[in-house]
């Protein structure tokens, strides 16, 4: 893929802690794109303890696409969007 003159900057971040983890726990982390807007994207996260399938934490982050030259929000290029199929 050709270079794209943009980068991601966090607009907001939320974490919800649901249950504790302990030393030795095997934890599976998942992340997925929930949806795209013109200049921002919502990515969600989940953390699961493998021994009992207990959800330990979940979170979400709104990322904003920023033009690296102008240093302003910009429309997410289609070739970037295609790298992150949205699930929602």
PDB file of N, CA and C in Angstrom:
ATOM      1  N   UNK A   1       0.854  -1.184   0.000  1.00  0.00           N
ATOM      2  CA  UNK A   1       0.000   0.000   0.000  1.00  0.00           C
ATOM      3  C   UNK A   1       0.892   1.236   0.000  1.00  0.00           C
ATOM      4  N   UNK A   2       0.501   2.225  -0.777  1.00  0.00           N
ATOM      5  CA  UNK A   2       1.244   3.481  -0.814  1.00  0.00           C
ATOM      6  C   UNK A   2       1.123   4.194   0.528  1.00  0.00           C
ATOM      7  N   UNK A   3       2.085   5.082   0.788  1.00  0.00           N
ATOM      8  CA  UNK A   3       2.008   5.881   2.008  1.00  0.00           C
ATOM      9  C   UNK A   3       0.779   6.780   1.967  1.00  0.00           C
ATOM     10  N   UNK A   4       0.159   6.921   3.113  1.00  0.00           N
ATOM     11  CA  UNK A   4      -0.998   7.795   3.265  1.00  0.00           C
ATOM     12  C   UNK A   4      -0.600   8.877   4.252  1.00  0.00           C
ATOM     13  N   UNK A   5      -0.863  10.131   3.920  1.00  0.00           N
ATOM     14  CA  UNK A   5      -0.430  11.254   4.757  1.00  0.00           C
ATOM     15  C   UNK A   5      -1.423  11.515   5.885  1.00  0.00           C
ATOM     16  N   UNK A   6      -1.713  10.459   6.674  1.00  0.00           N
ATOM     17  CA  UNK A   6      -2.589  10.638   7.823  1.00  0.00           C
ATOM     18  C   UNK A   6      -2.166   9.673   8.928  1.00  0.00           C
ATOM     19  N   UNK A   7      -2.653   9.958  10.127  1.00  0.00           N
ATOM     20  CA  UNK A   7      -2.367   9.107  11.277  1.00  0.00           C
ATOM     21  C   UNK A   7      -3.591   9.104  12.176  1.00  0.00           C
ATOM     22  N   UNK A   8      -3.581   8.264  13.203  1.00  0.00           N
ATOM     23  CA  UNK A   8      -4.699   8.170  14.147  1.00  0.00           C
ATOM     24  C   UNK A   8      -4.371   8.877  15.447  1.00  0.00           C
ATOM     25  N   UNK A   9      -5.355   9.597  15.980  1.00  0.00           N
ATOM     26  CA  UNK A   9      -5.232  10.275  17.267  1.00  0.00           C
ATOM     27  C   UNK A   9      -6.467   9.901  18.092  1.00  0.00           C
ATOM     28  N   UNK A  10      -6.265   9.617  19.379  1.00  0.00           N
ATOM     29  CA  UNK A  10      -7.383   9.246  20.246  1.00  0.00           C
ATOM     30  C   UNK A  10      -8.225  10.473  20.585  1.00  0.00           C
ATOM     31  N   UNK A  11      -9.526  10.348  20.379  1.00  0.00           N
ATOM     32  CA  UNK A  11     -10.471  11.410  20.767  1.00  0.00           C
ATOM     33  C   UNK A  11     -11.010  11.148  22.162  1.00  0.00           C
ATOM     34  N   UNK A  12     -11.401   9.893  22.425  1.00  0.00           N
ATOM     35  CA  UNK A  12     -11.870   9.524  23.758  1.00  0.00           C
ATOM     36  C   UNK A  12     -11.630   8.036  23.973  1.00  0.00           C
ATOM     37  N   UNK A  13     -11.522   7.672  25.244  1.00  0.00           N
ATOM     38  CA  UNK A  13     -11.231   6.290  25.595  1.00  0.00           C
ATOM     39  C   UNK A  13     -12.032   5.938  26.841  1.00  0.00           C
ATOM     40  N   UNK A  14     -12.658   4.778  26.830  1.00  0.00           N
ATOM     41  CA  UNK A  14     -13.453   4.325  27.969  1.00  0.00           C
ATOM     42  C   UNK A  14     -13.091   2.872  28.262  1.00  0.00           C
ATOM     43  N   UNK A  15     -12.872   2.563  29.551  1.00  0.00           N
ATOM     44  CA  UNK A  15     -12.610   1.189  29.986  1.00  0.00           C
ATOM     45  C   UNK A  15     -13.562   0.872  31.126  1.00  0.00           C
ATOM     46  N   UNK A  16     -14.158  -0.294  31.063  1.00  0.00           N
ATOM     47  CA  UNK A  16     -15.048  -0.763  32.121  1.00  0.00           C
ATOM     48  C   UNK A  16     -14.446  -2.050  32.688  1.00  0.00           C
ATOM     49  N   UNK A  17     -14.038  -2.008  33.961  1.00  0.00           N
ATOM     50  CA  UNK A  17     -13.459  -3.167  34.629  1.00  0.00           C
ATOM     51  C   UNK A  17     -14.592  -3.934  35.295  1.00  0.00           C
ATOM     52  N   UNK A  18     -14.735  -5.220  34.948  1.00  0.00           N
ATOM     53  CA  UNK A  18     -15.873  -6.002  35.396  1.00  0.00           C
ATOM     54  C   UNK A  18     -15.517  -7.053  36.445  1.00  0.00           C
ATOM     55  N   UNK A  19     -14.294  -7.571  36.376  1.00  0.00           N
ATOM     56  CA  UNK A  19     -13.879  -8.633  37.288  1.00  0.00           C
ATOM     57  C   UNK A  19     -12.353  -8.638  37.354  1.00  0.00           C
ATOM     58  N   UNK A  20     -11.772  -9.034  38.491  1.00  0.00           N
ATOM     59  CA  UNK A  20     -10.310  -8.998  38.601  1.00  0.00           C
ATOM     60  C   UNK A  20      -9.630 -10.149  37.847  1.00  0.00           C
ATOM     61  N   UNK A  21      -8.405  -9.918  37.476  1.00  0.00           N
ATOM     62  CA  UNK A  21      -7.527 -10.954  36.922  1.00  0.00           C
ATOM     63  C   UNK A  21      -6.478 -11.272  37.985  1.00  0.00           C
ATOM     64  N   UNK A  22      -5.940 -12.475  37.927  1.00  0.00           N
ATOM     65  CA  UNK A  22      -4.964 -12.914  38.915  1.00  0.00           C
ATOM     66  C   UNK A  22      -3.712 -13.437  38.231  1.00  0.00           C
ATOM     67  N   UNK A  23      -2.610 -13.439  38.959  1.00  0.00           N
ATOM     68  CA  UNK A  23      -1.344 -13.951  38.425  1.00  0.00           C
ATOM     69  C   UNK A  23      -1.572 -15.366  37.915  1.00  0.00           C
ATOM     70  N   UNK A  24      -1.070 -15.640  36.731  1.00  0.00           N
ATOM     71  CA  UNK A  24      -1.203 -16.962  36.141  1.00  0.00           C
ATOM     72  C   UNK A  24      -2.426 -17.135  35.248  1.00  0.00           C
ATOM     73  N   UNK A  25      -3.382 -16.187  35.299  1.00  0.00           N
ATOM     74  CA  UNK A  25      -4.566 -16.275  34.433  1.00  0.00           C
ATOM     75  C   UNK A  25      -4.149 -16.153  32.967  1.00  0.00           C
ATOM     76  N   UNK A  26      -4.739 -16.970  32.135  1.00  0.00           N
ATOM     77  CA  UNK A  26      -4.565 -16.841  30.693  1.00  0.00           C
ATOM     78  C   UNK A  26      -5.709 -15.961  30.192  1.00  0.00           C
ATOM     79  N   UNK A  27      -5.376 -14.809  29.614  1.00  0.00           N
ATOM     80  CA  UNK A  27      -6.372 -13.822  29.206  1.00  0.00           C
ATOM     81  C   UNK A  27      -6.301 -13.627  27.703  1.00  0.00           C
ATOM     82  N   UNK A  28      -7.469 -13.659  27.084  1.00  0.00           N
ATOM     83  CA  UNK A  28      -7.576 -13.431  25.650  1.00  0.00           C
ATOM     84  C   UNK A  28      -8.059 -12.003  25.426  1.00  0.00           C
ATOM     85  N   UNK A  29      -7.325 -11.261  24.617  1.00  0.00           N
ATOM     86  CA  UNK A  29      -7.710  -9.889  24.271  1.00  0.00           C
ATOM     87  C   UNK A  29      -8.230  -9.882  22.840  1.00  0.00           C
ATOM     88  N   UNK A  30      -9.357  -9.211  22.646  1.00  0.00           N
ATOM     89  CA  UNK A  30      -9.948  -9.077  21.310  1.00  0.00           C
ATOM     90  C   UNK A  30     -10.172  -7.607  21.013  1.00  0.00           C
ATOM     91  N   UNK A  31     -10.062  -7.245  19.746  1.00  0.00           N
ATOM     92  CA  UNK A  31     -10.345  -5.883  19.325  1.00  0.00           C
ATOM     93  C   UNK A  31     -10.979  -5.928  17.945  1.00  0.00           C
ATOM     94  N   UNK A  32     -11.901  -5.009  17.705  1.00  0.00           N
ATOM     95  CA  UNK A  32     -12.578  -4.967  16.422  1.00  0.00           C
ATOM     96  C   UNK A  32     -13.072  -3.550  16.169  1.00  0.00           C
ATOM     97  N   UNK A  33     -13.262  -3.249  14.900  1.00  0.00           N
ATOM     98  CA  UNK A  33     -13.815  -1.957  14.499  1.00  0.00           C
ATOM     99  C   UNK A  33     -15.330  -2.080  14.531  1.00  0.00           C
ATOM    100  N   UNK A  34     -15.970  -1.219  15.283  1.00  0.00           N
ATOM    101  CA  UNK A  34     -17.427  -1.238  15.397  1.00  0.00           C
ATOM    102  C   UNK A  34     -18.081  -0.469  14.248  1.00  0.00           C
ATOM    103  N   UNK A  35     -17.572   0.740  13.967  1.00  0.00           N
ATOM    104  CA  UNK A  35     -18.117   1.497  12.833  1.00  0.00           C
ATOM    105  C   UNK A  35     -17.177   2.623  12.436  1.00  0.00           C
ATOM    106  N   UNK A  36     -17.396   3.100  11.234  1.00  0.00           N
ATOM    107  CA  UNK A  36     -16.646   4.239  10.702  1.00  0.00           C
ATOM    108  C   UNK A  36     -17.591   5.415  10.537  1.00  0.00           C
ATOM    109  N   UNK A  37     -17.049   6.576  10.763  1.00  0.00           N
ATOM    110  CA  UNK A  37     -17.706   7.825  10.373  1.00  0.00           C
ATOM    111  C   UNK A  37     -16.757   8.498   9.392  1.00  0.00           C
ATOM    112  N   UNK A  38     -17.046   9.702   9.008  1.00  0.00           N
ATOM    113  CA  UNK A  38     -16.219  10.367   7.981  1.00  0.00           C
ATOM    114  C   UNK A  38     -14.766  10.523   8.409  1.00  0.00           C
ATOM    115  N   UNK A  39     -14.540  11.035   9.629  1.00  0.00           N
ATOM    116  CA  UNK A  39     -13.162  11.282  10.077  1.00  0.00           C
ATOM    117  C   UNK A  39     -12.786  10.463  11.305  1.00  0.00           C
ATOM    118  N   UNK A  40     -13.717   9.655  11.833  1.00  0.00           N
ATOM    119  CA  UNK A  40     -13.397   8.906  13.047  1.00  0.00           C
ATOM    120  C   UNK A  40     -13.924   7.478  12.975  1.00  0.00           C
ATOM    121  N   UNK A  41     -13.365   6.662  13.839  1.00  0.00           N
ATOM    122  CA  UNK A  41     -13.716   5.247  13.877  1.00  0.00           C
ATOM    123  C   UNK A  41     -13.804   4.800  15.341  1.00  0.00           C
ATOM    124  N   UNK A  42     -14.766   3.933  15.619  1.00  0.00           N
ATOM    125  CA  UNK A  42     -14.927   3.377  16.961  1.00  0.00           C
ATOM    126  C   UNK A  42     -14.357   1.967  16.976  1.00  0.00           C
ATOM    127  N   UNK A  43     -13.376   1.746  17.840  1.00  0.00           N
ATOM    128  CA  UNK A  43     -12.773   0.426  18.015  1.00  0.00           C
ATOM    129  C   UNK A  43     -13.120  -0.045  19.422  1.00  0.00           C
ATOM    130  N   UNK A  44     -13.579  -1.279  19.532  1.00  0.00           N
ATOM    131  CA  UNK A  44     -13.939  -1.872  20.829  1.00  0.00           C
ATOM    132  C   UNK A  44     -12.935  -2.943  21.204  1.00  0.00           C
ATOM    133  N   UNK A  45     -12.892  -3.234  22.527  1.00  0.00           N
ATOM    134  CA  UNK A  45     -11.944  -4.190  23.085  1.00  0.00           C
ATOM    135  C   UNK A  45     -12.659  -5.069  24.096  1.00  0.00           C
ATOM    136  N   UNK A  46     -12.199  -6.304  24.224  1.00  0.00           N
ATOM    137  CA  UNK A  46     -12.712  -7.203  25.253  1.00  0.00           C
ATOM    138  C   UNK A  46     -11.582  -8.050  25.802  1.00  0.00           C
ATOM    139  N   UNK A  47     -11.646  -8.334  27.104  1.00  0.00           N
ATOM    140  CA  UNK A  47     -10.626  -9.144  27.768  1.00  0.00           C
ATOM    141  C   UNK A  47     -11.331 -10.272  28.504  1.00  0.00           C
ATOM    142  N   UNK A  48     -11.004 -11.514  28.158  1.00  0.00           N
ATOM    143  CA  UNK A  48     -11.704 -12.686  28.633  1.00  0.00           C
ATOM    144  C   UNK A  48     -10.721 -13.633  29.332  1.00  0.00           C
ATOM    145  N   UNK A  49     -11.080 -14.104  30.538  1.00  0.00           N
ATOM    146  CA  UNK A  49     -10.255 -15.116  31.219  1.00  0.00           C
ATOM    147  C   UNK A  49     -10.626 -16.460  30.601  1.00  0.00           C
ATOM    148  N   UNK A  50      -9.640 -17.173  30.075  1.00  0.00           N
ATOM    149  CA  UNK A  50      -9.880 -18.400  29.338  1.00  0.00           C
ATOM    150  C   UNK A  50     -10.393 -19.545  30.217  1.00  0.00           C
ATOM    151  N   UNK A  51      -9.984 -19.610  31.473  1.00  0.00           N
ATOM    152  CA  UNK A  51     -10.352 -20.756  32.315  1.00  0.00           C
ATOM    153  C   UNK A  51     -11.850 -20.849  32.587  1.00  0.00           C
ATOM    154  N   UNK A  52     -12.545 -19.719  32.625  1.00  0.00           N
ATOM    155  CA  UNK A  52     -13.983 -19.736  32.924  1.00  0.00           C
ATOM    156  C   UNK A  52     -14.812 -18.864  31.967  1.00  0.00           C
ATOM    157  N   UNK A  53     -14.172 -18.368  30.902  1.00  0.00           N
ATOM    158  CA  UNK A  53     -14.834 -17.502  29.917  1.00  0.00           C
ATOM    159  C   UNK A  53     -15.480 -16.269  30.546  1.00  0.00           C
ATOM    160  N   UNK A  54     -14.907 -15.797  31.626  1.00  0.00           N
ATOM    161  CA  UNK A  54     -15.414 -14.606  32.324  1.00  0.00           C
ATOM    162  C   UNK A  54     -14.865 -13.355  31.632  1.00  0.00           C
ATOM    163  N   UNK A  55     -15.763 -12.420  31.319  1.00  0.00           N
ATOM    164  CA  UNK A  55     -15.327 -11.145  30.742  1.00  0.00           C
ATOM    165  C   UNK A  55     -14.763 -10.294  31.869  1.00  0.00           C
ATOM    166  N   UNK A  56     -13.497  -9.925  31.759  1.00  0.00           N
ATOM    167  CA  UNK A  56     -12.818  -9.159  32.811  1.00  0.00           C
ATOM    168  C   UNK A  56     -12.935  -7.655  32.589  1.00  0.00           C
ATOM    169  N   UNK A  57     -12.880  -7.260  31.346  1.00  0.00           N
ATOM    170  CA  UNK A  57     -12.934  -5.824  31.033  1.00  0.00           C
ATOM    171  C   UNK A  57     -13.370  -5.653  29.588  1.00  0.00           C
ATOM    172  N   UNK A  58     -13.924  -4.478  29.322  1.00  0.00           N
ATOM    173  CA  UNK A  58     -14.255  -4.112  27.953  1.00  0.00           C
ATOM    174  C   UNK A  58     -14.015  -2.614  27.811  1.00  0.00           C
ATOM    175  N   UNK A  59     -13.796  -2.214  26.607  1.00  0.00           N
ATOM    176  CA  UNK A  59     -13.519  -0.799  26.399  1.00  0.00           C
ATOM    177  C   UNK A  59     -13.804  -0.380  24.977  1.00  0.00           C
ATOM    178  N   UNK A  60     -13.672   0.914  24.768  1.00  0.00           N
ATOM    179  CA  UNK A  60     -13.844   1.469  23.434  1.00  0.00           C
ATOM    180  C   UNK A  60     -13.014   2.734  23.302  1.00  0.00           C
ATOM    181  N   UNK A  61     -12.585   2.961  22.083  1.00  0.00           N
ATOM    182  CA  UNK A  61     -11.803   4.153  21.778  1.00  0.00           C
ATOM    183  C   UNK A  61     -12.316   4.755  20.472  1.00  0.00           C
ATOM    184  N   UNK A  62     -12.580   6.057  20.498  1.00  0.00           N
ATOM    185  CA  UNK A  62     -12.862   6.791  19.275  1.00  0.00           C
ATOM    186  C   UNK A  62     -11.533   7.331  18.756  1.00  0.00           C
ATOM    187  N   UNK A  63     -11.161   6.926  17.546  1.00  0.00           N
ATOM    188  CA  UNK A  63      -9.945   7.382  16.892  1.00  0.00           C
ATOM    189  C   UNK A  63     -10.323   8.377  15.804  1.00  0.00           C
ATOM    190  N   UNK A  64      -9.551   9.443  15.666  1.00  0.00           N
ATOM    191  CA  UNK A  64      -9.769  10.453  14.627  1.00  0.00           C
ATOM    192  C   UNK A  64      -8.614  10.385  13.640  1.00  0.00           C
ATOM    193  N   UNK A  65      -8.950  10.401  12.372  1.00  0.00           N
ATOM    194  CA  UNK A  65      -7.936  10.427  11.319  1.00  0.00           C
ATOM    195  C   UNK A  65      -7.457  11.877  11.153  1.00  0.00           C
ATOM    196  N   UNK A  66      -6.149  12.063  11.221  1.00  0.00           N
ATOM    197  CA  UNK A  66      -5.570  13.409  11.161  1.00  0.00           C
ATOM    198  C   UNK A  66      -4.562  13.485  10.018  1.00  0.00           C
ATOM    199  N   UNK A  67      -4.699  14.517   9.210  1.00  0.00           N
ATOM    200  CA  UNK A  67      -3.756  14.797   8.131  1.00  0.00           C
ATOM    201  C   UNK A  67      -2.419  15.169   8.764  1.00  0.00           C
ATOM    202  N   UNK A  68      -1.356  14.443   8.425  1.00  0.00           N
ATOM    203  CA  UNK A  68      -0.056  14.671   9.074  1.00  0.00           C
ATOM    204  C   UNK A  68       0.615  15.967   8.626  1.00  0.00           C
ATOM    205  N   UNK A  69       0.226  16.497   7.478  1.00  0.00           N
ATOM    206  CA  UNK A  69       0.809  17.753   7.019  1.00  0.00           C
ATOM    207  C   UNK A  69       0.056  18.962   7.583  1.00  0.00           C
ATOM    208  N   UNK A  70      -1.272  18.923   7.502  1.00  0.00           N
ATOM    209  CA  UNK A  70      -2.089  20.044   7.966  1.00  0.00           C
ATOM    210  C   UNK A  70      -2.372  19.972   9.473  1.00  0.00           C
ATOM    211  N   UNK A  71      -2.186  18.774  10.049  1.00  0.00           N
ATOM    212  CA  UNK A  71      -2.450  18.544  11.479  1.00  0.00           C
ATOM    213  C   UNK A  71      -3.894  18.856  11.855  1.00  0.00           C
ATOM    214  N   UNK A  72      -4.797  18.452  10.968  1.00  0.00           N
ATOM    215  CA  UNK A  72      -6.232  18.650  11.181  1.00  0.00           C
ATOM    216  C   UNK A  72      -6.950  17.352  10.836  1.00  0.00           C
ATOM    217  N   UNK A  73      -8.134  17.133  11.431  1.00  0.00           N
ATOM    218  CA  UNK A  73      -8.908  15.946  11.062  1.00  0.00           C
ATOM    219  C   UNK A  73      -9.164  15.915   9.556  1.00  0.00           C
ATOM    220  N   UNK A  74      -9.151  14.703   9.006  1.00  0.00           N
ATOM    221  CA  UNK A  74      -9.390  14.543   7.575  1.00  0.00           C
ATOM    222  C   UNK A  74     -10.255  13.303   7.341  1.00  0.00           C
ATOM    223  N   UNK A  75     -10.873  13.259   6.184  1.00  0.00           N
ATOM    224  CA  UNK A  75     -11.668  12.093   5.806  1.00  0.00           C
ATOM    225  C   UNK A  75     -10.760  10.869   5.765  1.00  0.00           C
ATOM    226  N   UNK A  76     -11.255   9.763   6.324  1.00  0.00           N
ATOM    227  CA  UNK A  76     -10.478   8.519   6.311  1.00  0.00           C
ATOM    228  C   UNK A  76     -10.367   8.038   4.867  1.00  0.00           C
ATOM    229  N   UNK A  77      -9.147   7.900   4.350  1.00  0.00           N
ATOM    230  CA  UNK A  77      -8.987   7.438   2.965  1.00  0.00           C
ATOM    231  C   UNK A  77      -9.592   6.052   2.776  1.00  0.00           C
ATOM    232  N   UNK A  78     -10.184   5.824   1.623  1.00  0.00           N
ATOM    233  CA  UNK A  78     -10.833   4.539   1.342  1.00  0.00           C
ATOM    234  C   UNK A  78      -9.846   3.377   1.473  1.00  0.00           C
ATOM    235  N   UNK A  79      -8.601   3.565   1.036  1.00  0.00           N
ATOM    236  CA  UNK A  79      -7.637   2.460   1.128  1.00  0.00           C
ATOM    237  C   UNK A  79      -7.276   2.138   2.580  1.00  0.00           C
ATOM    238  N   UNK A  80      -7.421   3.091   3.486  1.00  0.00           N
ATOM    239  CA  UNK A  80      -7.231   2.834   4.918  1.00  0.00           C
ATOM    240  C   UNK A  80      -8.473   2.139   5.463  1.00  0.00           C
ATOM    241  N   UNK A  81      -9.635   2.641   5.121  1.00  0.00           N
ATOM    242  CA  UNK A  81     -10.908   2.068   5.567  1.00  0.00           C
ATOM    243  C   UNK A  81     -10.996   0.584   5.200  1.00  0.00           C
ATOM    244  N   UNK A  82     -10.529   0.225   4.023  1.00  0.00           N
ATOM    245  CA  UNK A  82     -10.602  -1.157   3.546  1.00  0.00           C
ATOM    246  C   UNK A  82      -9.748  -2.123   4.392  1.00  0.00           C
ATOM    247  N   UNK A  83      -8.774  -1.593   5.123  1.00  0.00           N
ATOM    248  CA  UNK A  83      -7.921  -2.433   5.977  1.00  0.00           C
ATOM    249  C   UNK A  83      -8.615  -2.834   7.273  1.00  0.00           C
ATOM    250  N   UNK A  84      -9.712  -2.171   7.614  1.00  0.00           N
ATOM    251  CA  UNK A  84     -10.406  -2.380   8.887  1.00  0.00           C
ATOM    252  C   UNK A  84     -11.894  -2.631   8.649  1.00  0.00           C
ATOM    253  N   UNK A  85     -12.274  -3.842   8.277  1.00  0.00           N
ATOM    254  CA  UNK A  85     -13.705  -4.082   8.053  1.00  0.00           C
ATOM    255  C   UNK A  85     -14.510  -3.899   9.332  1.00  0.00           C
ATOM    256  N   UNK A  86     -15.551  -3.083   9.274  1.00  0.00           N
ATOM    257  CA  UNK A  86     -16.391  -2.824  10.437  1.00  0.00           C
ATOM    258  C   UNK A  86     -17.331  -3.996  10.664  1.00  0.00           C
ATOM    259  N   UNK A  87     -17.603  -4.274  11.960  1.00  0.00           N
ATOM    260  CA  UNK A  87     -18.483  -5.377  12.302  1.00  0.00           C
ATOM    261  C   UNK A  87     -19.879  -4.899  12.652  1.00  0.00           C
ATOM    262  N   UNK A  88     -20.042  -3.608  12.920  1.00  0.00           N
ATOM    263  CA  UNK A  88     -21.340  -3.109  13.357  1.00  0.00           C
ATOM    264  C   UNK A  88     -21.987  -2.221  12.361  1.00  0.00           C
TER     265      UNK A  88
END
